[in-house]
């Protein structure tokens, strides 16, 4: 199953992500935003889970405590909602 969702600029900045990192490390492909907010990507559920795990790791202060994400930045809930809706 392919999922198309956005990544906020805030998540990208805190996790020090750029288009190449997201594409190469996570296996997501950028798609046009069509005027919507955030950076839009498509990829497999596993690719999104890998990114979501790293965002969650940041929320508990992983890597650099000065650049922690918030629990609300978590992507797992959005992934679960998408999967439930499209099964």
PDB file of N, CA and C in Angstrom:
ATOM      1  N   UNK A   1       0.837  -1.172   0.000  1.00  0.00           N
ATOM      2  CA  UNK A   1       0.000   0.000   0.000  1.00  0.00           C
ATOM      3  C   UNK A   1       0.883   1.235   0.000  1.00  0.00           C
ATOM      4  N   UNK A   2       0.569   2.172  -0.852  1.00  0.00           N
ATOM      5  CA  UNK A   2       1.276   3.443  -0.915  1.00  0.00           C
ATOM      6  C   UNK A   2       0.479   4.505  -0.163  1.00  0.00           C
ATOM      7  N   UNK A   3       1.170   5.330   0.581  1.00  0.00           N
ATOM      8  CA  UNK A   3       0.551   6.418   1.337  1.00  0.00           C
ATOM      9  C   UNK A   3       1.134   7.727   0.839  1.00  0.00           C
ATOM     10  N   UNK A   4       0.276   8.711   0.645  1.00  0.00           N
ATOM     11  CA  UNK A   4       0.710  10.060   0.298  1.00  0.00           C
ATOM     12  C   UNK A   4       0.285  10.984   1.428  1.00  0.00           C
ATOM     13  N   UNK A   5       1.270  11.608   2.075  1.00  0.00           N
ATOM     14  CA  UNK A   5       1.021  12.509   3.205  1.00  0.00           C
ATOM     15  C   UNK A   5       2.043  13.634   3.173  1.00  0.00           C
ATOM     16  N   UNK A   6       1.815  14.579   4.056  1.00  0.00           N
ATOM     17  CA  UNK A   6       2.752  15.698   4.167  1.00  0.00           C
ATOM     18  C   UNK A   6       3.653  15.529   5.380  1.00  0.00           C
ATOM     19  N   UNK A   7       4.779  16.183   5.291  1.00  0.00           N
ATOM     20  CA  UNK A   7       5.710  16.329   6.404  1.00  0.00           C
ATOM     21  C   UNK A   7       5.843  17.828   6.620  1.00  0.00           C
ATOM     22  N   UNK A   8       5.610  18.271   7.825  1.00  0.00           N
ATOM     23  CA  UNK A   8       5.697  19.710   8.077  1.00  0.00           C
ATOM     24  C   UNK A   8       7.137  20.190   7.953  1.00  0.00           C
ATOM     25  N   UNK A   9       7.280  21.437   7.583  1.00  0.00           N
ATOM     26  CA  UNK A   9       8.600  22.041   7.515  1.00  0.00           C
ATOM     27  C   UNK A   9       9.296  22.006   8.861  1.00  0.00           C
ATOM     28  N   UNK A  10       8.528  22.081   9.934  1.00  0.00           N
ATOM     29  CA  UNK A  10       9.088  22.039  11.292  1.00  0.00           C
ATOM     30  C   UNK A  10       9.733  20.683  11.562  1.00  0.00           C
ATOM     31  N   UNK A  11       9.054  19.596  11.188  1.00  0.00           N
ATOM     32  CA  UNK A  11       9.635  18.262  11.360  1.00  0.00           C
ATOM     33  C   UNK A  11      10.899  18.138  10.523  1.00  0.00           C
ATOM     34  N   UNK A  12      10.821  18.586   9.295  1.00  0.00           N
ATOM     35  CA  UNK A  12      11.987  18.495   8.405  1.00  0.00           C
ATOM     36  C   UNK A  12      13.172  19.258   8.980  1.00  0.00           C
ATOM     37  N   UNK A  13      12.910  20.440   9.519  1.00  0.00           N
ATOM     38  CA  UNK A  13      13.995  21.257  10.068  1.00  0.00           C
ATOM     39  C   UNK A  13      14.585  20.623  11.321  1.00  0.00           C
ATOM     40  N   UNK A  14      13.739  20.209  12.250  1.00  0.00           N
ATOM     41  CA  UNK A  14      14.233  19.646  13.508  1.00  0.00           C
ATOM     42  C   UNK A  14      14.993  18.341  13.269  1.00  0.00           C
ATOM     43  N   UNK A  15      14.464  17.505  12.381  1.00  0.00           N
ATOM     44  CA  UNK A  15      15.110  16.223  12.109  1.00  0.00           C
ATOM     45  C   UNK A  15      16.205  16.344  11.060  1.00  0.00           C
ATOM     46  N   UNK A  16      16.465  17.569  10.621  1.00  0.00           N
ATOM     47  CA  UNK A  16      17.514  17.866   9.647  1.00  0.00           C
ATOM     48  C   UNK A  16      17.337  17.040   8.376  1.00  0.00           C
ATOM     49  N   UNK A  17      16.108  17.069   7.865  1.00  0.00           N
ATOM     50  CA  UNK A  17      15.784  16.320   6.656  1.00  0.00           C
ATOM     51  C   UNK A  17      15.761  17.255   5.455  1.00  0.00           C
ATOM     52  N   UNK A  18      16.186  16.749   4.334  1.00  0.00           N
ATOM     53  CA  UNK A  18      15.997  17.447   3.075  1.00  0.00           C
ATOM     54  C   UNK A  18      15.437  16.444   2.084  1.00  0.00           C
ATOM     55  N   UNK A  19      15.091  16.897   0.891  1.00  0.00           N
ATOM     56  CA  UNK A  19      14.467  16.018  -0.099  1.00  0.00           C
ATOM     57  C   UNK A  19      15.302  14.767  -0.358  1.00  0.00           C
ATOM     58  N   UNK A  20      16.611  14.941  -0.487  1.00  0.00           N
ATOM     59  CA  UNK A  20      17.485  13.800  -0.790  1.00  0.00           C
ATOM     60  C   UNK A  20      17.511  12.788   0.349  1.00  0.00           C
ATOM     61  N   UNK A  21      17.535  13.280   1.582  1.00  0.00           N
ATOM     62  CA  UNK A  21      17.551  12.388   2.748  1.00  0.00           C
ATOM     63  C   UNK A  21      16.243  11.612   2.821  1.00  0.00           C
ATOM     64  N   UNK A  22      15.138  12.303   2.640  1.00  0.00           N
ATOM     65  CA  UNK A  22      13.840  11.643   2.722  1.00  0.00           C
ATOM     66  C   UNK A  22      13.709  10.597   1.624  1.00  0.00           C
ATOM     67  N   UNK A  23      14.179  10.935   0.444  1.00  0.00           N
ATOM     68  CA  UNK A  23      14.101   9.985  -0.673  1.00  0.00           C
ATOM     69  C   UNK A  23      15.080   8.835  -0.484  1.00  0.00           C
ATOM     70  N   UNK A  24      16.325   9.138  -0.149  1.00  0.00           N
ATOM     71  CA  UNK A  24      17.354   8.113  -0.064  1.00  0.00           C
ATOM     72  C   UNK A  24      17.273   7.249   1.174  1.00  0.00           C
ATOM     73  N   UNK A  25      17.129   7.869   2.327  1.00  0.00           N
ATOM     74  CA  UNK A  25      17.159   7.130   3.589  1.00  0.00           C
ATOM     75  C   UNK A  25      15.822   6.465   3.902  1.00  0.00           C
ATOM     76  N   UNK A  26      14.735   7.157   3.621  1.00  0.00           N
ATOM     77  CA  UNK A  26      13.416   6.640   3.988  1.00  0.00           C
ATOM     78  C   UNK A  26      12.675   5.985   2.832  1.00  0.00           C
ATOM     79  N   UNK A  27      13.093   6.238   1.613  1.00  0.00           N
ATOM     80  CA  UNK A  27      12.431   5.624   0.466  1.00  0.00           C
ATOM     81  C   UNK A  27      11.120   6.273   0.084  1.00  0.00           C
ATOM     82  N   UNK A  28      10.957   7.542   0.439  1.00  0.00           N
ATOM     83  CA  UNK A  28       9.760   8.284   0.064  1.00  0.00           C
ATOM     84  C   UNK A  28      10.061   9.136  -1.161  1.00  0.00           C
ATOM     85  N   UNK A  29       9.049   9.376  -1.972  1.00  0.00           N
ATOM     86  CA  UNK A  29       9.204  10.164  -3.187  1.00  0.00           C
ATOM     87  C   UNK A  29       8.382  11.431  -3.063  1.00  0.00           C
ATOM     88  N   UNK A  30       9.010  12.579  -3.319  1.00  0.00           N
ATOM     89  CA  UNK A  30       8.287  13.843  -3.218  1.00  0.00           C
ATOM     90  C   UNK A  30       7.291  13.968  -4.363  1.00  0.00           C
ATOM     91  N   UNK A  31       6.112  14.471  -4.044  1.00  0.00           N
ATOM     92  CA  UNK A  31       5.069  14.715  -5.032  1.00  0.00           C
ATOM     93  C   UNK A  31       4.662  16.185  -4.941  1.00  0.00           C
ATOM     94  N   UNK A  32       4.063  16.730  -6.009  1.00  0.00           N
ATOM     95  CA  UNK A  32       3.657  18.133  -5.973  1.00  0.00           C
ATOM     96  C   UNK A  32       2.674  18.403  -4.833  1.00  0.00           C
ATOM     97  N   UNK A  33       2.823  19.557  -4.216  1.00  0.00           N
ATOM     98  CA  UNK A  33       1.957  19.912  -3.084  1.00  0.00           C
ATOM     99  C   UNK A  33       0.616  20.476  -3.538  1.00  0.00           C
ATOM    100  N   UNK A  34       0.542  20.933  -4.766  1.00  0.00           N
ATOM    101  CA  UNK A  34      -0.709  21.509  -5.289  1.00  0.00           C
ATOM    102  C   UNK A  34      -1.273  22.584  -4.371  1.00  0.00           C
ATOM    103  N   UNK A  35      -0.389  23.408  -3.840  1.00  0.00           N
ATOM    104  CA  UNK A  35      -0.783  24.522  -2.990  1.00  0.00           C
ATOM    105  C   UNK A  35      -1.066  24.162  -1.541  1.00  0.00           C
ATOM    106  N   UNK A  36      -0.933  22.887  -1.188  1.00  0.00           N
ATOM    107  CA  UNK A  36      -1.162  22.472   0.192  1.00  0.00           C
ATOM    108  C   UNK A  36       0.086  22.756   1.021  1.00  0.00           C
ATOM    109  N   UNK A  37      -0.105  22.867   2.323  1.00  0.00           N
ATOM    110  CA  UNK A  37       1.010  23.143   3.227  1.00  0.00           C
ATOM    111  C   UNK A  37       1.884  21.919   3.411  1.00  0.00           C
ATOM    112  N   UNK A  38       3.129  22.142   3.732  1.00  0.00           N
ATOM    113  CA  UNK A  38       4.064  21.059   4.035  1.00  0.00           C
ATOM    114  C   UNK A  38       4.718  20.498   2.792  1.00  0.00           C
ATOM    115  N   UNK A  39       5.556  19.518   3.029  1.00  0.00           N
ATOM    116  CA  UNK A  39       6.220  18.795   1.943  1.00  0.00           C
ATOM    117  C   UNK A  39       5.455  17.504   1.764  1.00  0.00           C
ATOM    118  N   UNK A  40       5.068  17.165   0.560  1.00  0.00           N
ATOM    119  CA  UNK A  40       4.246  15.984   0.290  1.00  0.00           C
ATOM    120  C   UNK A  40       5.093  14.871  -0.311  1.00  0.00           C
ATOM    121  N   UNK A  41       4.907  13.672   0.245  1.00  0.00           N
ATOM    122  CA  UNK A  41       5.665  12.507  -0.188  1.00  0.00           C
ATOM    123  C   UNK A  41       4.735  11.306  -0.314  1.00  0.00           C
ATOM    124  N   UNK A  42       5.151  10.353  -1.114  1.00  0.00           N
ATOM    125  CA  UNK A  42       4.447   9.085  -1.228  1.00  0.00           C
ATOM    126  C   UNK A  42       5.443   7.960  -1.015  1.00  0.00           C
ATOM    127  N   UNK A  43       4.959   6.881  -0.433  1.00  0.00           N
ATOM    128  CA  UNK A  43       5.826   5.739  -0.189  1.00  0.00           C
ATOM    129  C   UNK A  43       5.070   4.631   0.512  1.00  0.00           C
ATOM    130  N   UNK A  44       5.755   3.544   0.750  1.00  0.00           N
ATOM    131  CA  UNK A  44       5.138   2.387   1.400  1.00  0.00           C
ATOM    132  C   UNK A  44       4.878   2.669   2.877  1.00  0.00           C
ATOM    133  N   UNK A  45       4.015   1.864   3.459  1.00  0.00           N
ATOM    134  CA  UNK A  45       3.734   1.975   4.891  1.00  0.00           C
ATOM    135  C   UNK A  45       5.028   1.793   5.680  1.00  0.00           C
ATOM    136  N   UNK A  46       5.862   0.831   5.280  1.00  0.00           N
ATOM    137  CA  UNK A  46       7.126   0.595   5.985  1.00  0.00           C
ATOM    138  C   UNK A  46       8.048   1.812   5.937  1.00  0.00           C
ATOM    139  N   UNK A  47       8.100   2.482   4.797  1.00  0.00           N
ATOM    140  CA  UNK A  47       8.934   3.687   4.666  1.00  0.00           C
ATOM    141  C   UNK A  47       8.429   4.785   5.599  1.00  0.00           C
ATOM    142  N   UNK A  48       7.123   4.966   5.635  1.00  0.00           N
ATOM    143  CA  UNK A  48       6.552   5.976   6.534  1.00  0.00           C
ATOM    144  C   UNK A  48       6.795   5.611   7.999  1.00  0.00           C
ATOM    145  N   UNK A  49       6.688   4.327   8.332  1.00  0.00           N
ATOM    146  CA  UNK A  49       6.921   3.902   9.725  1.00  0.00           C
ATOM    147  C   UNK A  49       8.363   4.184  10.145  1.00  0.00           C
ATOM    148  N   UNK A  50       9.294   3.991   9.233  1.00  0.00           N
ATOM    149  CA  UNK A  50      10.701   4.258   9.538  1.00  0.00           C
ATOM    150  C   UNK A  50      10.886   5.741   9.880  1.00  0.00           C
ATOM    151  N   UNK A  51      10.298   6.617   9.079  1.00  0.00           N
ATOM    152  CA  UNK A  51      10.376   8.052   9.370  1.00  0.00           C
ATOM    153  C   UNK A  51       9.657   8.366  10.681  1.00  0.00           C
ATOM    154  N   UNK A  52       8.474   7.797  10.872  1.00  0.00           N
ATOM    155  CA  UNK A  52       7.702   8.051  12.089  1.00  0.00           C
ATOM    156  C   UNK A  52       8.468   7.629  13.331  1.00  0.00           C
ATOM    157  N   UNK A  53       9.164   6.511  13.263  1.00  0.00           N
ATOM    158  CA  UNK A  53       9.964   6.051  14.405  1.00  0.00           C
ATOM    159  C   UNK A  53      11.062   7.054  14.739  1.00  0.00           C
ATOM    160  N   UNK A  54      11.693   7.627  13.712  1.00  0.00           N
ATOM    161  CA  UNK A  54      12.739   8.623  13.961  1.00  0.00           C
ATOM    162  C   UNK A  54      12.152   9.904  14.547  1.00  0.00           C
ATOM    163  N   UNK A  55      10.987  10.317  14.077  1.00  0.00           N
ATOM    164  CA  UNK A  55      10.327  11.510  14.635  1.00  0.00           C
ATOM    165  C   UNK A  55       9.969  11.249  16.097  1.00  0.00           C
ATOM    166  N   UNK A  56       9.445  10.065  16.405  1.00  0.00           N
ATOM    167  CA  UNK A  56       9.120   9.721  17.792  1.00  0.00           C
ATOM    168  C   UNK A  56      10.376   9.701  18.666  1.00  0.00           C
ATOM    169  N   UNK A  57      11.473   9.168  18.130  1.00  0.00           N
ATOM    170  CA  UNK A  57      12.727   9.130  18.874  1.00  0.00           C
ATOM    171  C   UNK A  57      13.158  10.544  19.255  1.00  0.00           C
ATOM    172  N   UNK A  58      12.938  11.477  18.336  1.00  0.00           N
ATOM    173  CA  UNK A  58      13.274  12.874  18.626  1.00  0.00           C
ATOM    174  C   UNK A  58      12.393  13.448  19.727  1.00  0.00           C
ATOM    175  N   UNK A  59      11.133  12.967  19.821  1.00  0.00           N
ATOM    176  CA  UNK A  59      10.201  13.541  20.799  1.00  0.00           C
ATOM    177  C   UNK A  59      10.617  13.233  22.230  1.00  0.00           C
ATOM    178  N   UNK A  60      11.426  12.206  22.415  1.00  0.00           N
ATOM    179  CA  UNK A  60      11.915  11.897  23.758  1.00  0.00           C
ATOM    180  C   UNK A  60      13.357  12.372  23.932  1.00  0.00           C
ATOM    181  N   UNK A  61      13.790  13.251  23.054  1.00  0.00           N
ATOM    182  CA  UNK A  61      15.098  13.860  23.201  1.00  0.00           C
ATOM    183  C   UNK A  61      16.231  13.104  22.557  1.00  0.00           C
ATOM    184  N   UNK A  62      15.915  12.149  21.687  1.00  0.00           N
ATOM    185  CA  UNK A  62      16.973  11.406  21.022  1.00  0.00           C
ATOM    186  C   UNK A  62      17.827  12.294  20.143  1.00  0.00           C
ATOM    187  N   UNK A  63      19.047  11.942  19.933  1.00  0.00           N
ATOM    188  CA  UNK A  63      20.052  12.630  19.131  1.00  0.00           C
ATOM    189  C   UNK A  63      20.459  13.967  19.723  1.00  0.00           C
ATOM    190  N   UNK A  64      19.562  14.914  19.809  1.00  0.00           N
ATOM    191  CA  UNK A  64      19.929  16.264  20.252  1.00  0.00           C
ATOM    192  C   UNK A  64      18.762  16.842  21.039  1.00  0.00           C
ATOM    193  N   UNK A  65      18.935  16.971  22.334  1.00  0.00           N
ATOM    194  CA  UNK A  65      17.837  17.459  23.173  1.00  0.00           C
ATOM    195  C   UNK A  65      17.369  18.854  22.789  1.00  0.00           C
ATOM    196  N   UNK A  66      18.198  19.640  22.185  1.00  0.00           N
ATOM    197  CA  UNK A  66      17.813  20.987  21.773  1.00  0.00           C
ATOM    198  C   UNK A  66      16.877  21.005  20.588  1.00  0.00           C
ATOM    199  N   UNK A  67      16.775  19.909  19.870  1.00  0.00           N
ATOM    200  CA  UNK A  67      15.928  19.854  18.689  1.00  0.00           C
ATOM    201  C   UNK A  67      14.857  18.803  18.803  1.00  0.00           C
ATOM    202  N   UNK A  68      14.189  18.754  19.956  1.00  0.00           N
ATOM    203  CA  UNK A  68      13.170  17.726  20.167  1.00  0.00           C
ATOM    204  C   UNK A  68      11.885  18.058  19.432  1.00  0.00           C
ATOM    205  N   UNK A  69      11.254  17.026  18.897  1.00  0.00           N
ATOM    206  CA  UNK A  69       9.928  17.202  18.323  1.00  0.00           C
ATOM    207  C   UNK A  69       8.911  17.096  19.449  1.00  0.00           C
ATOM    208  N   UNK A  70       7.660  17.370  19.132  1.00  0.00           N
ATOM    209  CA  UNK A  70       6.575  17.245  20.097  1.00  0.00           C
ATOM    210  C   UNK A  70       5.821  15.953  19.820  1.00  0.00           C
ATOM    211  N   UNK A  71       5.129  15.455  20.827  1.00  0.00           N
ATOM    212  CA  UNK A  71       4.309  14.258  20.623  1.00  0.00           C
ATOM    213  C   UNK A  71       3.325  14.479  19.480  1.00  0.00           C
ATOM    214  N   UNK A  72       2.828  15.703  19.336  1.00  0.00           N
ATOM    215  CA  UNK A  72       1.847  16.001  18.285  1.00  0.00           C
ATOM    216  C   UNK A  72       2.447  15.921  16.889  1.00  0.00           C
ATOM    217  N   UNK A  73       3.785  15.902  16.805  1.00  0.00           N
ATOM    218  CA  UNK A  73       4.445  15.761  15.505  1.00  0.00           C
ATOM    219  C   UNK A  73       4.431  14.311  15.021  1.00  0.00           C
ATOM    220  N   UNK A  74       4.046  13.395  15.883  1.00  0.00           N
ATOM    221  CA  UNK A  74       4.083  11.973  15.552  1.00  0.00           C
ATOM    222  C   UNK A  74       3.282  11.644  14.297  1.00  0.00           C
ATOM    223  N   UNK A  75       3.813  10.726  13.524  1.00  0.00           N
ATOM    224  CA  UNK A  75       3.186  10.341  12.266  1.00  0.00           C
ATOM    225  C   UNK A  75       2.445   9.011  12.350  1.00  0.00           C
ATOM    226  N   UNK A  76       2.691   8.219  13.391  1.00  0.00           N
ATOM    227  CA  UNK A  76       2.077   6.899  13.470  1.00  0.00           C
ATOM    228  C   UNK A  76       0.550   6.971  13.451  1.00  0.00           C
ATOM    229  N   UNK A  77      -0.023   7.926  14.147  1.00  0.00           N
ATOM    230  CA  UNK A  77      -1.476   8.066  14.169  1.00  0.00           C
ATOM    231  C   UNK A  77      -2.040   8.370  12.792  1.00  0.00           C
ATOM    232  N   UNK A  78      -1.351   9.237  12.062  1.00  0.00           N
ATOM    233  CA  UNK A  78      -1.793   9.568  10.706  1.00  0.00           C
ATOM    234  C   UNK A  78      -1.667   8.360   9.777  1.00  0.00           C
ATOM    235  N   UNK A  79      -0.585   7.595   9.941  1.00  0.00           N
ATOM    236  CA  UNK A  79      -0.399   6.387   9.129  1.00  0.00           C
ATOM    237  C   UNK A  79      -1.514   5.391   9.435  1.00  0.00           C
ATOM    238  N   UNK A  80      -1.785   5.169  10.727  1.00  0.00           N
ATOM    239  CA  UNK A  80      -2.827   4.219  11.122  1.00  0.00           C
ATOM    240  C   UNK A  80      -4.189   4.634  10.555  1.00  0.00           C
ATOM    241  N   UNK A  81      -4.493   5.921  10.644  1.00  0.00           N
ATOM    242  CA  UNK A  81      -5.763   6.426  10.132  1.00  0.00           C
ATOM    243  C   UNK A  81      -5.876   6.184   8.620  1.00  0.00           C
ATOM    244  N   UNK A  82      -4.805   6.440   7.895  1.00  0.00           N
ATOM    245  CA  UNK A  82      -4.811   6.243   6.442  1.00  0.00           C
ATOM    246  C   UNK A  82      -5.012   4.769   6.103  1.00  0.00           C
ATOM    247  N   UNK A  83      -4.275   3.903   6.790  1.00  0.00           N
ATOM    248  CA  UNK A  83      -4.371   2.470   6.523  1.00  0.00           C
ATOM    249  C   UNK A  83      -5.782   1.963   6.840  1.00  0.00           C
ATOM    250  N   UNK A  84      -6.328   2.366   7.986  1.00  0.00           N
ATOM    251  CA  UNK A  84      -7.684   1.933   8.367  1.00  0.00           C
ATOM    252  C   UNK A  84      -8.714   2.378   7.341  1.00  0.00           C
ATOM    253  N   UNK A  85      -8.561   3.581   6.835  1.00  0.00           N
ATOM    254  CA  UNK A  85      -9.522   4.140   5.890  1.00  0.00           C
ATOM    255  C   UNK A  85      -9.451   3.453   4.524  1.00  0.00           C
ATOM    256  N   UNK A  86      -8.280   2.959   4.148  1.00  0.00           N
ATOM    257  CA  UNK A  86      -8.070   2.427   2.790  1.00  0.00           C
ATOM    258  C   UNK A  86      -7.945   0.912   2.735  1.00  0.00           C
ATOM    259  N   UNK A  87      -8.379   0.215   3.775  1.00  0.00           N
ATOM    260  CA  UNK A  87      -8.317  -1.252   3.731  1.00  0.00           C
ATOM    261  C   UNK A  87      -9.615  -1.823   3.208  1.00  0.00           C
TER     262      UNK A  87
END
